[in-house]
């Protein structure tokens, strides 16, 4: 059983930055995805990184502003978020699926961390 724990959420002003972390043990065989869900909206796939660092994907809404990375030695995946907008406000979840990125079929989920972008 893979357990994922997100951290790093909080309140930030528009244009600011935050870095989210997703920690888990034994995730080197898993792709890690970040998803978000705002109140009244469907869950959105934000980004994903495969078991090899060159396999990354981003939603159009965050392309060029967010960067995903992983440190297998620390069992952690990071989502670096820059130029944040109020529309980025949501609960952010990390999730794991075997090996390669996909928008579906994630086996394990974290509990979520709130990101609020507001002045």
C-alpha atoms as a PDB file:
ATOM      1  CA  UNK A   1       0.000   0.000   0.000  1.00  0.00           C
ATOM      2  CA  UNK A   2       1.491   3.293  -1.134  1.00  0.00           C
ATOM      3  CA  UNK A   3       0.717   6.263   1.091  1.00  0.00           C
ATOM      4  CA  UNK A   4       0.996   9.762  -0.331  1.00  0.00           C
ATOM      5  CA  UNK A   5       1.218  12.896   1.805  1.00  0.00           C
ATOM      6  CA  UNK A   6       0.922  16.374   0.289  1.00  0.00           C
ATOM      7  CA  UNK A   7       2.238  19.531   1.899  1.00  0.00           C
ATOM      8  CA  UNK A   8       3.089  23.108   1.010  1.00  0.00           C
ATOM      9  CA  UNK A   9      -0.327  24.589   0.360  1.00  0.00           C
ATOM     10  CA  UNK A  10      -1.392  27.937   1.695  1.00  0.00           C
ATOM     11  CA  UNK A  11      -2.508  31.463   0.910  1.00  0.00           C
ATOM     12  CA  UNK A  12      -0.556  33.428  -1.682  1.00  0.00           C
ATOM     13  CA  UNK A  13      -1.137  36.673  -3.529  1.00  0.00           C
ATOM     14  CA  UNK A  14      -1.711  36.727  -7.295  1.00  0.00           C
ATOM     15  CA  UNK A  15       1.613  36.548  -9.088  1.00  0.00           C
ATOM     16  CA  UNK A  16       3.215  34.721  -6.208  1.00  0.00           C
ATOM     17  CA  UNK A  17       4.754  31.269  -5.965  1.00  0.00           C
ATOM     18  CA  UNK A  18       4.279  28.081  -3.984  1.00  0.00           C
ATOM     19  CA  UNK A  19       5.894  24.674  -4.050  1.00  0.00           C
ATOM     20  CA  UNK A  20       3.819  21.630  -3.218  1.00  0.00           C
ATOM     21  CA  UNK A  21       5.418  18.386  -2.088  1.00  0.00           C
ATOM     22  CA  UNK A  22       4.138  14.832  -2.379  1.00  0.00           C
ATOM     23  CA  UNK A  23       6.006  12.383  -0.170  1.00  0.00           C
ATOM     24  CA  UNK A  24       5.739   8.616  -0.277  1.00  0.00           C
ATOM     25  CA  UNK A  25       7.861   5.574   0.314  1.00  0.00           C
ATOM     26  CA  UNK A  26       8.561   3.124  -2.439  1.00  0.00           C
ATOM     27  CA  UNK A  27       7.228   5.174  -5.310  1.00  0.00           C
ATOM     28  CA  UNK A  28      10.132   4.742  -7.708  1.00  0.00           C
ATOM     29  CA  UNK A  29       8.022   2.448  -9.913  1.00  0.00           C
ATOM     30  CA  UNK A  30       5.149   4.906 -10.103  1.00  0.00           C
ATOM     31  CA  UNK A  31       4.269   7.922 -12.125  1.00  0.00           C
ATOM     32  CA  UNK A  32       3.038  10.748  -9.903  1.00  0.00           C
ATOM     33  CA  UNK A  33       0.293  13.074 -10.999  1.00  0.00           C
ATOM     34  CA  UNK A  34      -1.009  16.306  -9.538  1.00  0.00           C
ATOM     35  CA  UNK A  35      -4.724  17.060  -9.749  1.00  0.00           C
ATOM     36  CA  UNK A  36      -6.822  19.908  -8.431  1.00  0.00           C
ATOM     37  CA  UNK A  37     -10.466  20.488  -7.657  1.00  0.00           C
ATOM     38  CA  UNK A  38     -12.077  23.841  -7.059  1.00  0.00           C
ATOM     39  CA  UNK A  39     -15.501  24.212  -5.394  1.00  0.00           C
ATOM     40  CA  UNK A  40     -18.258  23.395  -7.846  1.00  0.00           C
ATOM     41  CA  UNK A  41     -15.844  22.240 -10.532  1.00  0.00           C
ATOM     42  CA  UNK A  42     -14.686  18.870 -11.778  1.00  0.00           C
ATOM     43  CA  UNK A  43     -11.316  17.514 -10.849  1.00  0.00           C
ATOM     44  CA  UNK A  44      -8.618  18.624 -13.278  1.00  0.00           C
ATOM     45  CA  UNK A  45      -5.357  16.900 -14.144  1.00  0.00           C
ATOM     46  CA  UNK A  46      -2.598  19.473 -13.666  1.00  0.00           C
ATOM     47  CA  UNK A  47       0.692  17.714 -14.256  1.00  0.00           C
ATOM     48  CA  UNK A  48       2.403  14.346 -14.155  1.00  0.00           C
ATOM     49  CA  UNK A  49       5.911  12.931 -14.065  1.00  0.00           C
ATOM     50  CA  UNK A  50       6.786   9.396 -15.123  1.00  0.00           C
ATOM     51  CA  UNK A  51       9.359   7.141 -13.495  1.00  0.00           C
ATOM     52  CA  UNK A  52      12.004   8.782 -15.666  1.00  0.00           C
ATOM     53  CA  UNK A  53      12.307  12.521 -15.225  1.00  0.00           C
ATOM     54  CA  UNK A  54      11.902  13.303 -18.919  1.00  0.00           C
ATOM     55  CA  UNK A  55       8.347  12.057 -18.984  1.00  0.00           C
ATOM     56  CA  UNK A  56       6.350  15.106 -17.887  1.00  0.00           C
ATOM     57  CA  UNK A  57       3.016  16.533 -18.992  1.00  0.00           C
ATOM     58  CA  UNK A  58       1.145  19.704 -18.113  1.00  0.00           C
ATOM     59  CA  UNK A  59      -2.359  21.017 -18.523  1.00  0.00           C
ATOM     60  CA  UNK A  60      -2.623  23.941 -20.939  1.00  0.00           C
ATOM     61  CA  UNK A  61      -3.833  26.109 -18.065  1.00  0.00           C
ATOM     62  CA  UNK A  62      -0.526  25.754 -16.180  1.00  0.00           C
ATOM     63  CA  UNK A  63       1.982  25.236 -19.012  1.00  0.00           C
ATOM     64  CA  UNK A  64       4.911  27.608 -18.573  1.00  0.00           C
ATOM     65  CA  UNK A  65       3.966  28.495 -14.989  1.00  0.00           C
ATOM     66  CA  UNK A  66       4.165  25.155 -13.159  1.00  0.00           C
ATOM     67  CA  UNK A  67       7.088  22.729 -13.096  1.00  0.00           C
ATOM     68  CA  UNK A  68       6.997  19.181 -11.795  1.00  0.00           C
ATOM     69  CA  UNK A  69      10.082  17.357 -10.565  1.00  0.00           C
ATOM     70  CA  UNK A  70      10.944  14.301  -8.524  1.00  0.00           C
ATOM     71  CA  UNK A  71      13.718  13.407  -6.102  1.00  0.00           C
ATOM     72  CA  UNK A  72      13.711   9.639  -5.765  1.00  0.00           C
ATOM     73  CA  UNK A  73      16.364   9.758  -3.039  1.00  0.00           C
ATOM     74  CA  UNK A  74      13.921  11.765  -0.919  1.00  0.00           C
ATOM     75  CA  UNK A  75      10.828   9.884  -2.144  1.00  0.00           C
ATOM     76  CA  UNK A  76       9.284  13.221  -3.023  1.00  0.00           C
ATOM     77  CA  UNK A  77       7.669  14.848  -6.046  1.00  0.00           C
ATOM     78  CA  UNK A  78       7.409  18.616  -6.199  1.00  0.00           C
ATOM     79  CA  UNK A  79       5.057  20.938  -8.022  1.00  0.00           C
ATOM     80  CA  UNK A  80       6.635  24.367  -8.357  1.00  0.00           C
ATOM     81  CA  UNK A  81       3.924  26.915  -9.057  1.00  0.00           C
ATOM     82  CA  UNK A  82       4.782  30.405 -10.298  1.00  0.00           C
ATOM     83  CA  UNK A  83       2.729  33.376 -11.495  1.00  0.00           C
ATOM     84  CA  UNK A  84      -0.232  32.092  -9.567  1.00  0.00           C
ATOM     85  CA  UNK A  85      -3.708  33.299 -10.478  1.00  0.00           C
ATOM     86  CA  UNK A  86      -6.974  33.304  -8.539  1.00  0.00           C
ATOM     87  CA  UNK A  87      -8.175  30.566 -10.922  1.00  0.00           C
ATOM     88  CA  UNK A  88      -5.466  28.307  -9.488  1.00  0.00           C
ATOM     89  CA  UNK A  89      -7.329  28.239  -6.174  1.00  0.00           C
ATOM     90  CA  UNK A  90      -8.251  24.634  -5.420  1.00  0.00           C
ATOM     91  CA  UNK A  91      -7.480  21.590  -3.334  1.00  0.00           C
ATOM     92  CA  UNK A  92      -4.444  19.943  -4.879  1.00  0.00           C
ATOM     93  CA  UNK A  93      -4.004  16.175  -4.750  1.00  0.00           C
ATOM     94  CA  UNK A  94      -1.122  13.954  -5.744  1.00  0.00           C
ATOM     95  CA  UNK A  95      -1.762  10.454  -7.014  1.00  0.00           C
ATOM     96  CA  UNK A  96       0.259   7.453  -8.174  1.00  0.00           C
ATOM     97  CA  UNK A  97      -0.105   4.988 -11.029  1.00  0.00           C
ATOM     98  CA  UNK A  98       2.365   2.424 -12.396  1.00  0.00           C
ATOM     99  CA  UNK A  99       5.281   3.713 -14.446  1.00  0.00           C
ATOM    100  CA  UNK A 100       3.855   6.171 -16.989  1.00  0.00           C
ATOM    101  CA  UNK A 101       1.625   9.195 -16.982  1.00  0.00           C
ATOM    102  CA  UNK A 102      -2.016   9.091 -17.933  1.00  0.00           C
ATOM    103  CA  UNK A 103      -5.070  11.147 -17.016  1.00  0.00           C
ATOM    104  CA  UNK A 104      -6.809   8.067 -15.609  1.00  0.00           C
ATOM    105  CA  UNK A 105      -6.267   4.938 -13.552  1.00  0.00           C
ATOM    106  CA  UNK A 106      -4.438   6.235 -10.541  1.00  0.00           C
ATOM    107  CA  UNK A 107      -4.296   3.668  -7.767  1.00  0.00           C
ATOM    108  CA  UNK A 108      -3.294   5.784  -4.785  1.00  0.00           C
ATOM    109  CA  UNK A 109      -4.283   9.292  -3.681  1.00  0.00           C
ATOM    110  CA  UNK A 110      -3.176  11.749  -1.062  1.00  0.00           C
ATOM    111  CA  UNK A 111      -5.476  13.676   1.251  1.00  0.00           C
ATOM    112  CA  UNK A 112      -5.063  16.985  -0.556  1.00  0.00           C
ATOM    113  CA  UNK A 113      -3.669  20.403   0.310  1.00  0.00           C
ATOM    114  CA  UNK A 114      -5.476  23.714  -0.096  1.00  0.00           C
ATOM    115  CA  UNK A 115      -4.030  26.427  -2.325  1.00  0.00           C
ATOM    116  CA  UNK A 116      -5.706  29.827  -2.192  1.00  0.00           C
ATOM    117  CA  UNK A 117      -4.637  32.654  -4.471  1.00  0.00           C
ATOM    118  CA  UNK A 118      -6.093  35.914  -3.300  1.00  0.00           C
ATOM    119  CA  UNK A 119      -5.150  39.469  -2.517  1.00  0.00           C
END
